[in-house]
Amino acid sequence: MEQVFVVRYSEIGLKGKNRDFFEKRLIDNIIKIVRPAAVNKRYGRVIVRIGRNNPEVLEERLRYVLGIQNYSLGYALPHDLDQVKDTALKLAQDEVSNGAKTFKIAAQRGFKEFPLNSIELNREIGAYVLENIGELKVDVHNPAFEIGVDVREKEIFVFCGRRNLSGGLPVGVSGRAMLLLSGGIDSPVAGWYAMKRGLEIQTLSFLSPPMTTEKSVQKILDLGKILSRYLPNPLKMWIVPLTEVQMYIKDSAPDEYSLILQRRSMMRIASMIARRNKAKAIITGETLGQVASQTLTNMAAVEDASSLIVLRPLVGFDKLETTKKAKELGTFEISIQPYIDSCTAFSPKKPATKSDINEIREIESKLEKLSDLEYEAFQKRELYKVGND
């Protein structure tokens, strides 16, 4: 009898001819993130072998693998009905000790050459459990617990209960994108939702030394450490000093447009770094209408400076929804630590809420040093790697 996790997915099962590609990426991610004894593919299932590992440690890591709909902790057994019955009884006894009084056997016979069909398996195993635990009753509609029996060609899996996870797609199947990671609440959450749709991410943060300090760098890295748990490989984090670009814009352009112009510079620099790292999109934590820079016209004016598509996973969220997710991820407490980000350091007194893209372009055309300063900032980028300890 071998202890295993029976892993299930949902969306991957709808991928038709591309299903093998998605399954392979999911298995690769499980191997790298969970680090189990072995992983096997069964039709519609992934079996994670625990071996000599601590099941609780592997279970904790398993919840960071995006693309998994749910899983069960159970056992892999040979085609031996007596062993199946004894294992089901053991699982039932554990549930009864926690106060359960009703149960159900849910058998599936994927291997059609097994002598008993699913109905017969339900009857045989259920009767055995009832014989040995007199206080239990069968309830097929609303049982306190359900014991699953999954008959496959090489083995039979017996398990109790299902733990739901995040679902989505395995990280990496949708390509790579660059997340603009600030120290606030929104951008780490946006990064998580992007990963849930199969994007592998790298992060890019803009700082304004000396207004932003080493504590700002550490805060960014701490947020990256949490996001890296969902990645099969270490997270690459880029940090760019933007002070000279911001000072030039502040001194040379109308104050009400300075924030839009700074963000356009960020987009151009982000596009350069993203292309160097084969990223196909830029991700932001913007929410429509949340602050002055996130009106529809201002978002369009900023995106106009990017040579890559800009993804905004949180565009329809409100702050309460984002905050709730940040708390679930564990980024909230880090994000609310005191921090001066790059935009705050050079924030205008009265930012424009309805920028005119033609007027913005005309202002930029007169900022003769801007492109050189942006390129200098790009060249000063620093790379950090976190995760996969």
Protein backbone atom coordinates (compact mmCIF):
# COMPACT_ATOMS: atom_id res chain seq x y z
CA MET A 1 0.00 0.00 0.00
CA GLU A 2 1.52 3.28 -1.17
CA GLN A 3 0.39 6.74 -0.10
CA VAL A 4 -0.30 9.14 -2.98
CA PHE A 5 -2.05 12.34 -3.95
CA VAL A 6 -4.70 11.89 -6.63
CA VAL A 7 -4.63 15.20 -8.52
CA ARG A 8 -7.45 16.38 -10.79
CA TYR A 9 -7.78 19.24 -13.24
CA SER A 10 -10.76 20.66 -15.11
CA GLU A 11 -9.87 23.27 -17.73
CA ILE A 12 -6.94 21.25 -19.08
CA GLY A 13 -9.35 18.45 -19.90
CA LEU A 14 -11.05 20.70 -22.48
CA LYS A 15 -7.90 21.34 -24.53
CA GLY A 16 -8.48 18.67 -27.17
CA LYS A 17 -5.40 17.92 -29.28
CA ASN A 18 -3.27 20.23 -27.10
CA ARG A 19 -4.13 18.38 -23.91
CA ASP A 20 -0.82 16.50 -23.75
CA PHE A 21 1.09 19.79 -23.81
CA PHE A 22 -0.88 21.17 -20.86
CA GLU A 23 -0.63 17.91 -18.90
CA LYS A 24 3.11 17.72 -19.43
CA ARG A 25 3.58 21.29 -18.19
CA LEU A 26 1.43 20.58 -15.14
CA ILE A 27 3.49 17.49 -14.32
CA ASP A 28 6.77 19.38 -14.81
CA ASN A 29 5.54 22.10 -12.46
CA ILE A 30 4.50 19.55 -9.83
CA ILE A 31 7.93 17.91 -10.00
CA LYS A 32 9.74 21.23 -9.55
CA ILE A 33 7.45 22.85 -6.96
CA VAL A 34 6.31 19.86 -4.88
CA ARG A 35 9.44 17.72 -5.33
CA PRO A 36 7.69 14.36 -4.69
CA ALA A 37 9.12 10.85 -5.05
CA ALA A 38 7.59 10.53 -8.53
CA VAL A 39 4.67 11.71 -10.67
CA ASN A 40 2.63 9.55 -13.08
CA LYS A 41 -0.05 10.46 -15.59
CA ARG A 42 -3.29 8.52 -15.69
CA TYR A 43 -6.11 9.53 -18.02
CA GLY A 44 -7.76 12.58 -16.44
CA ARG A 45 -5.58 12.28 -13.32
CA VAL A 46 -2.06 12.98 -12.14
CA ILE A 47 -0.71 10.70 -9.40
CA VAL A 48 1.83 12.27 -7.05
CA ARG A 49 3.88 9.62 -5.27
CA ILE A 50 4.79 10.55 -1.69
CA GLY A 51 7.42 7.89 -1.07
CA ARG A 52 9.45 8.62 2.05
CA ASN A 53 8.57 12.32 2.03
CA ASN A 54 6.46 13.99 4.68
CA PRO A 55 2.89 14.14 3.27
CA GLU A 56 2.16 17.41 5.10
CA VAL A 57 5.19 19.11 3.52
CA LEU A 58 4.23 17.96 0.04
CA GLU A 59 0.60 18.96 0.60
CA GLU A 60 1.68 22.47 1.56
CA ARG A 61 3.72 22.77 -1.66
CA LEU A 62 0.95 21.26 -3.77
CA ARG A 63 -1.34 24.23 -3.14
CA TYR A 64 1.11 26.46 -5.03
CA VAL A 65 0.73 24.48 -8.26
CA LEU A 66 -1.68 26.39 -10.48
CA GLY A 67 -3.79 24.29 -12.86
CA ILE A 68 -4.94 21.83 -10.17
CA GLN A 69 -8.68 21.87 -9.53
CA ASN A 70 -8.65 19.55 -6.51
CA TYR A 71 -6.80 16.59 -5.04
CA SER A 72 -7.25 13.74 -2.59
CA LEU A 73 -4.78 12.14 -0.22
CA GLY A 74 -5.15 8.37 -0.53
CA TYR A 75 -3.51 5.07 -1.36
CA ALA A 76 -2.43 3.16 -4.46
CA LEU A 77 -3.23 -0.55 -4.22
CA PRO A 78 -2.89 -3.64 -6.43
CA HIS A 79 -5.98 -5.24 -7.97
CA ASP A 80 -6.84 -6.92 -4.69
CA LEU A 81 -10.40 -6.39 -3.46
CA ASP A 82 -9.57 -7.41 0.11
CA GLN A 83 -6.87 -4.72 0.33
CA VAL A 84 -9.29 -2.19 -1.12
CA LYS A 85 -11.89 -3.07 1.51
CA ASP A 86 -9.40 -2.87 4.38
CA THR A 87 -8.13 0.50 3.18
CA ALA A 88 -11.66 1.87 2.83
CA LEU A 89 -12.40 0.65 6.35
CA LYS A 90 -9.31 2.40 7.71
CA LEU A 91 -10.33 5.69 6.08
CA ALA A 92 -13.88 5.30 7.42
CA GLN A 93 -12.62 4.64 10.95
CA ASP A 94 -10.58 7.87 10.82
CA GLU A 95 -13.70 9.83 9.84
CA VAL A 96 -15.87 8.19 12.51
CA SER A 97 -13.29 9.09 15.15
CA ASN A 98 -13.90 12.72 14.15
CA GLY A 99 -17.67 12.39 14.64
CA ALA A 100 -18.92 11.36 11.18
CA LYS A 101 -22.06 9.19 11.12
CA THR A 102 -22.93 8.78 7.43
CA PHE A 103 -20.90 7.82 4.38
CA LYS A 104 -20.96 6.85 0.73
CA ILE A 105 -18.73 4.73 -1.50
CA ALA A 106 -18.13 6.29 -4.93
CA ALA A 107 -16.41 3.78 -7.21
CA GLN A 108 -15.26 4.31 -10.80
CA ARG A 109 -14.08 1.50 -13.03
CA GLY A 110 -11.81 3.08 -15.62
CA PHE A 111 -10.25 -0.34 -16.27
CA LYS A 112 -13.18 -2.28 -17.74
CA GLU A 113 -11.52 -5.70 -17.39
CA PHE A 114 -11.77 -5.56 -13.61
CA PRO A 115 -14.35 -8.23 -12.65
CA LEU A 116 -16.68 -5.96 -10.63
CA ASN A 117 -18.39 -2.90 -12.09
CA SER A 118 -18.80 0.35 -10.16
CA ILE A 119 -22.21 -0.55 -8.70
CA GLU A 120 -20.92 -3.91 -7.48
CA LEU A 121 -17.85 -2.26 -5.99
CA ASN A 122 -20.02 0.24 -4.13
CA ARG A 123 -22.11 -2.58 -2.73
CA GLU A 124 -19.19 -4.85 -1.73
CA ILE A 125 -17.03 -2.18 -0.12
CA GLY A 126 -19.95 -0.39 1.54
CA ALA A 127 -21.21 -3.61 3.09
CA TYR A 128 -17.75 -4.40 4.46
CA VAL A 129 -17.50 -0.97 6.10
CA LEU A 130 -20.98 -1.31 7.64
CA GLU A 131 -20.19 -4.77 9.02
CA ASN A 132 -17.19 -3.41 10.88
CA ILE A 133 -18.54 -0.02 11.99
CA GLY A 134 -22.03 -0.58 13.32
CA GLU A 135 -22.82 3.07 14.08
CA LEU A 136 -22.32 4.19 10.46
CA LYS A 137 -25.17 4.59 7.98
CA VAL A 138 -25.17 5.00 4.21
CA ASP A 139 -26.39 8.33 2.82
CA VAL A 140 -25.93 8.60 -0.96
CA HIS A 141 -27.31 12.15 -1.19
CA ASN A 142 -25.63 14.07 1.65
CA PRO A 143 -22.98 11.91 3.34
CA ALA A 144 -20.67 13.21 6.04
CA PHE A 145 -17.79 11.72 4.04
CA GLU A 146 -17.25 9.94 0.75
CA ILE A 147 -14.69 7.25 0.00
CA GLY A 148 -13.55 7.22 -3.60
CA VAL A 149 -12.38 4.06 -5.35
CA ASP A 150 -10.80 4.59 -8.76
CA VAL A 151 -9.95 1.37 -10.65
CA ARG A 152 -7.19 1.85 -13.21
CA GLU A 153 -5.29 -0.59 -15.40
CA LYS A 154 -2.23 -0.87 -13.17
CA GLU A 155 -3.61 -0.09 -9.71
CA ILE A 156 -6.61 0.99 -7.67
CA PHE A 157 -6.70 4.34 -5.87
CA VAL A 158 -8.67 4.64 -2.63
CA PHE A 159 -9.12 8.04 -1.02
CA CYS A 160 -11.41 10.12 1.16
CA GLY A 161 -12.49 13.70 0.47
CA ARG A 162 -11.29 16.35 -1.96
CA ARG A 163 -9.39 19.55 -1.26
CA ASN A 164 -10.12 22.35 -3.72
CA LEU A 165 -7.30 24.46 -5.13
CA SER A 166 -7.13 27.42 -7.52
CA GLY A 167 -7.65 25.69 -10.86
CA GLY A 168 -6.68 27.70 -13.91
CA LEU A 169 -3.80 26.76 -16.20
CA PRO A 170 -0.28 25.54 -15.44
CA VAL A 171 2.28 28.33 -15.26
CA GLY A 172 4.18 28.61 -18.53
CA VAL A 173 1.58 27.36 -21.04
CA SER A 174 0.59 30.91 -22.04
CA GLY A 175 4.10 32.30 -22.46
CA ARG A 176 6.03 34.89 -20.47
CA ALA A 177 5.09 38.39 -19.30
CA MET A 178 6.70 41.20 -17.31
CA LEU A 179 4.84 42.25 -14.14
CA LEU A 180 5.27 45.89 -13.07
CA LEU A 181 5.62 45.21 -9.36
CA SER A 182 5.24 48.11 -6.95
CA GLY A 183 5.20 47.84 -3.18
CA GLY A 184 1.42 48.30 -3.07
CA ILE A 185 -1.47 45.90 -2.63
CA ASP A 186 -2.59 45.58 -6.24
CA SER A 187 0.35 44.50 -8.38
CA PRO A 188 1.24 41.26 -6.52
CA VAL A 189 -2.40 40.18 -6.81
CA ALA A 190 -2.37 41.02 -10.54
CA GLY A 191 0.74 38.86 -10.90
CA TRP A 192 -1.00 35.91 -9.24
CA TYR A 193 -4.03 36.15 -11.52
CA ALA A 194 -1.74 36.35 -14.54
CA MET A 195 0.05 33.18 -13.42
CA LYS A 196 -3.32 31.49 -12.94
CA ARG A 197 -3.94 32.02 -16.66
CA GLY A 198 -0.72 30.18 -17.46
CA LEU A 199 1.73 33.07 -17.70
CA GLU A 200 5.25 32.70 -16.45
CA ILE A 201 6.21 36.06 -14.96
CA GLN A 202 9.28 38.13 -14.31
CA THR A 203 8.93 41.36 -12.33
CA LEU A 204 10.12 44.89 -12.91
CA SER A 205 10.15 47.56 -10.21
CA PHE A 206 11.08 51.23 -10.55
CA LEU A 207 12.69 52.97 -7.57
CA SER A 208 13.77 56.55 -7.00
CA PRO A 209 16.94 56.65 -4.89
CA PRO A 210 17.68 58.36 -2.56
CA MET A 211 13.95 58.90 -1.83
CA THR A 212 13.49 55.14 -1.94
CA THR A 213 15.92 53.19 0.24
CA GLU A 214 17.23 49.65 0.69
CA LYS A 215 14.08 48.96 2.72
CA SER A 216 12.11 49.58 -0.47
CA VAL A 217 14.25 47.03 -2.30
CA GLN A 218 13.73 44.49 0.48
CA LYS A 219 9.98 45.03 0.43
CA ILE A 220 9.90 44.32 -3.30
CA LEU A 221 11.98 41.17 -2.83
CA ASP A 222 9.73 39.98 0.00
CA LEU A 223 6.69 40.29 -2.28
CA GLY A 224 8.57 38.47 -5.02
CA LYS A 225 9.41 35.65 -2.63
CA ILE A 226 5.70 34.94 -2.13
CA LEU A 227 4.94 35.06 -5.86
CA SER A 228 7.90 32.79 -6.59
CA ARG A 229 6.22 29.92 -4.72
CA TYR A 230 3.88 29.50 -7.69
CA LEU A 231 6.73 29.26 -10.20
CA PRO A 232 8.67 26.14 -11.14
CA ASN A 233 11.90 28.12 -11.46
CA PRO A 234 13.41 31.05 -9.50
CA LEU A 235 11.66 34.36 -10.09
CA LYS A 236 13.73 36.93 -11.99
CA MET A 237 13.19 40.39 -10.51
CA TRP A 238 14.46 43.53 -12.24
CA ILE A 239 14.91 46.85 -10.44
CA VAL A 240 15.51 50.08 -12.35
CA PRO A 241 16.52 53.47 -10.86
CA LEU A 242 14.22 56.09 -12.38
CA THR A 243 15.24 59.23 -10.47
CA GLU A 244 17.00 61.07 -13.31
CA VAL A 245 14.14 60.43 -15.71
CA GLN A 246 11.63 61.69 -13.16
CA MET A 247 13.62 64.79 -12.25
CA TYR A 248 13.97 65.73 -15.91
CA ILE A 249 10.21 65.33 -16.51
CA LYS A 250 9.40 67.25 -13.33
CA ASP A 251 11.63 70.16 -14.38
CA SER A 252 10.76 70.21 -18.08
CA ALA A 253 7.06 69.32 -18.48
CA PRO A 254 3.71 70.65 -17.22
CA ASP A 255 3.18 69.42 -13.67
CA GLU A 256 -0.30 68.01 -14.26
CA TYR A 257 1.07 65.69 -16.95
CA SER A 258 4.23 64.65 -15.11
CA LEU A 259 2.75 61.43 -13.70
CA ILE A 260 1.47 60.31 -17.12
CA LEU A 261 4.83 61.08 -18.67
CA GLN A 262 6.67 59.14 -15.94
CA ARG A 263 4.44 56.14 -16.50
CA ARG A 264 5.02 56.34 -20.25
CA SER A 265 8.75 56.26 -19.59
CA MET A 266 8.23 53.19 -17.41
CA MET A 267 6.36 51.51 -20.25
CA ARG A 268 9.13 52.16 -22.74
CA ILE A 269 11.80 50.86 -20.35
CA ALA A 270 9.61 47.88 -19.44
CA SER A 271 9.16 47.06 -23.12
CA MET A 272 12.92 47.07 -23.63
CA ILE A 273 13.56 44.75 -20.68
CA ALA A 274 10.63 42.51 -21.57
CA ARG A 275 11.82 42.04 -25.14
CA ARG A 276 15.33 41.21 -23.95
CA ASN A 277 13.79 38.44 -21.83
CA LYS A 278 11.38 37.13 -24.49
CA ALA A 279 8.31 38.37 -22.64
CA LYS A 280 5.30 39.04 -24.85
CA ALA A 281 3.24 41.28 -22.57
CA ILE A 282 3.40 43.73 -19.67
CA ILE A 283 1.17 43.21 -16.61
CA THR A 284 0.00 46.02 -14.33
CA GLY A 285 -2.11 46.15 -11.19
CA GLU A 286 -4.30 48.97 -12.52
CA THR A 287 -8.00 49.11 -11.67
CA LEU A 288 -10.26 51.32 -13.75
CA GLY A 289 -11.10 54.56 -11.94
CA GLN A 290 -9.22 53.77 -8.73
CA VAL A 291 -6.82 56.76 -8.84
CA ALA A 292 -6.20 59.73 -11.10
CA SER A 293 -3.76 57.89 -13.36
CA GLN A 294 -6.26 55.06 -13.90
CA THR A 295 -9.01 56.84 -15.79
CA LEU A 296 -9.74 55.34 -19.19
CA THR A 297 -8.04 58.17 -21.10
CA ASN A 298 -4.96 58.13 -18.87
CA MET A 299 -4.61 54.35 -19.08
CA ALA A 300 -4.82 54.61 -22.86
CA ALA A 301 -2.21 57.37 -22.89
CA VAL A 302 0.19 55.27 -20.81
CA GLU A 303 -0.36 52.08 -22.82
CA ASP A 304 0.33 54.03 -26.02
CA ALA A 305 4.01 54.15 -24.99
CA SER A 306 4.35 50.37 -24.74
CA SER A 307 5.44 48.29 -27.71
CA LEU A 308 3.84 45.22 -26.09
CA ILE A 309 0.29 44.36 -25.09
CA VAL A 310 -0.60 45.56 -21.58
CA LEU A 311 -2.62 43.15 -19.43
CA ARG A 312 -4.64 44.39 -16.45
CA PRO A 313 -6.02 41.37 -14.55
CA LEU A 314 -7.64 43.60 -11.89
CA VAL A 315 -9.27 46.14 -14.18
CA GLY A 316 -12.80 45.34 -12.90
CA PHE A 317 -11.89 44.71 -9.25
CA ASP A 318 -12.64 47.04 -6.37
CA LYS A 319 -10.21 47.57 -3.50
CA LEU A 320 -12.06 45.22 -1.16
CA GLU A 321 -11.78 42.34 -3.64
CA THR A 322 -8.09 42.97 -4.22
CA THR A 323 -7.38 43.31 -0.51
CA LYS A 324 -9.18 40.05 0.24
CA LYS A 325 -7.05 38.20 -2.32
CA ALA A 326 -3.86 39.86 -1.05
CA LYS A 327 -4.62 38.55 2.43
CA GLU A 328 -5.20 35.04 1.04
CA LEU A 329 -1.87 35.15 -0.79
CA GLY A 330 0.02 36.53 2.20
CA THR A 331 1.17 39.71 0.42
CA PHE A 332 -1.12 42.14 2.25
CA GLU A 333 0.93 42.56 5.43
CA ILE A 334 4.05 43.24 3.36
CA SER A 335 2.28 45.65 1.01
CA ILE A 336 0.95 47.87 3.82
CA GLN A 337 4.40 48.45 5.31
CA PRO A 338 5.48 52.13 4.99
CA TYR A 339 6.96 52.65 1.56
CA ILE A 340 7.61 55.47 -0.90
CA ASP A 341 7.25 54.18 -4.42
CA SER A 342 8.65 55.73 -7.56
CA CYS A 343 5.44 57.51 -8.53
CA THR A 344 4.73 58.85 -5.03
CA ALA A 345 8.19 60.39 -4.84
CA PHE A 346 7.44 62.69 -7.80
CA SER A 347 3.65 62.92 -7.62
CA PRO A 348 2.12 66.13 -9.07
CA LYS A 349 -0.02 68.39 -6.90
CA LYS A 350 -3.00 68.10 -9.25
CA PRO A 351 -2.63 65.29 -11.79
CA ALA A 352 -4.59 65.41 -15.03
CA THR A 353 -7.47 62.92 -15.14
CA LYS A 354 -8.29 63.32 -18.85
CA SER A 355 -5.08 63.47 -20.82
CA ASP A 356 -5.03 64.13 -24.55
CA ILE A 357 -2.71 61.67 -26.28
CA ASN A 358 -1.80 64.16 -29.02
CA GLU A 359 -0.90 66.79 -26.43
CA ILE A 360 1.17 64.20 -24.50
CA ARG A 361 3.09 63.27 -27.64
CA GLU A 362 3.73 66.91 -28.45
CA ILE A 363 5.12 67.53 -24.94
CA GLU A 364 7.36 64.46 -25.21
CA SER A 365 8.70 65.62 -28.58
CA LYS A 366 10.16 68.66 -26.82
CA LEU A 367 11.86 66.59 -24.09
CA GLU A 368 15.09 66.12 -26.03
CA LYS A 369 17.00 64.26 -23.33
CA LEU A 370 14.21 61.90 -22.34
CA SER A 371 15.04 58.93 -24.58
CA ASP A 372 18.72 59.05 -23.57
CA LEU A 373 17.82 59.14 -19.88
CA GLU A 374 15.42 56.23 -20.36
CA TYR A 375 18.15 54.21 -22.03
CA GLU A 376 20.58 55.04 -19.22
CA ALA A 377 18.00 53.82 -16.69
CA PHE A 378 17.55 50.65 -18.73
CA GLN A 379 21.31 50.04 -18.67
CA LYS A 380 21.40 50.46 -14.88
CA ARG A 381 18.85 47.70 -14.32
CA GLU A 382 19.73 45.19 -11.61
CA LEU A 383 18.69 41.55 -11.53
CA TYR A 384 17.69 39.62 -8.41
CA LYS A 385 16.56 36.00 -8.26
CA VAL A 386 14.34 34.62 -5.51
CA GLY A 387 12.61 31.33 -4.78
CA ASN A 388 13.18 27.59 -5.13
CA ASP A 389 15.05 27.32 -1.83
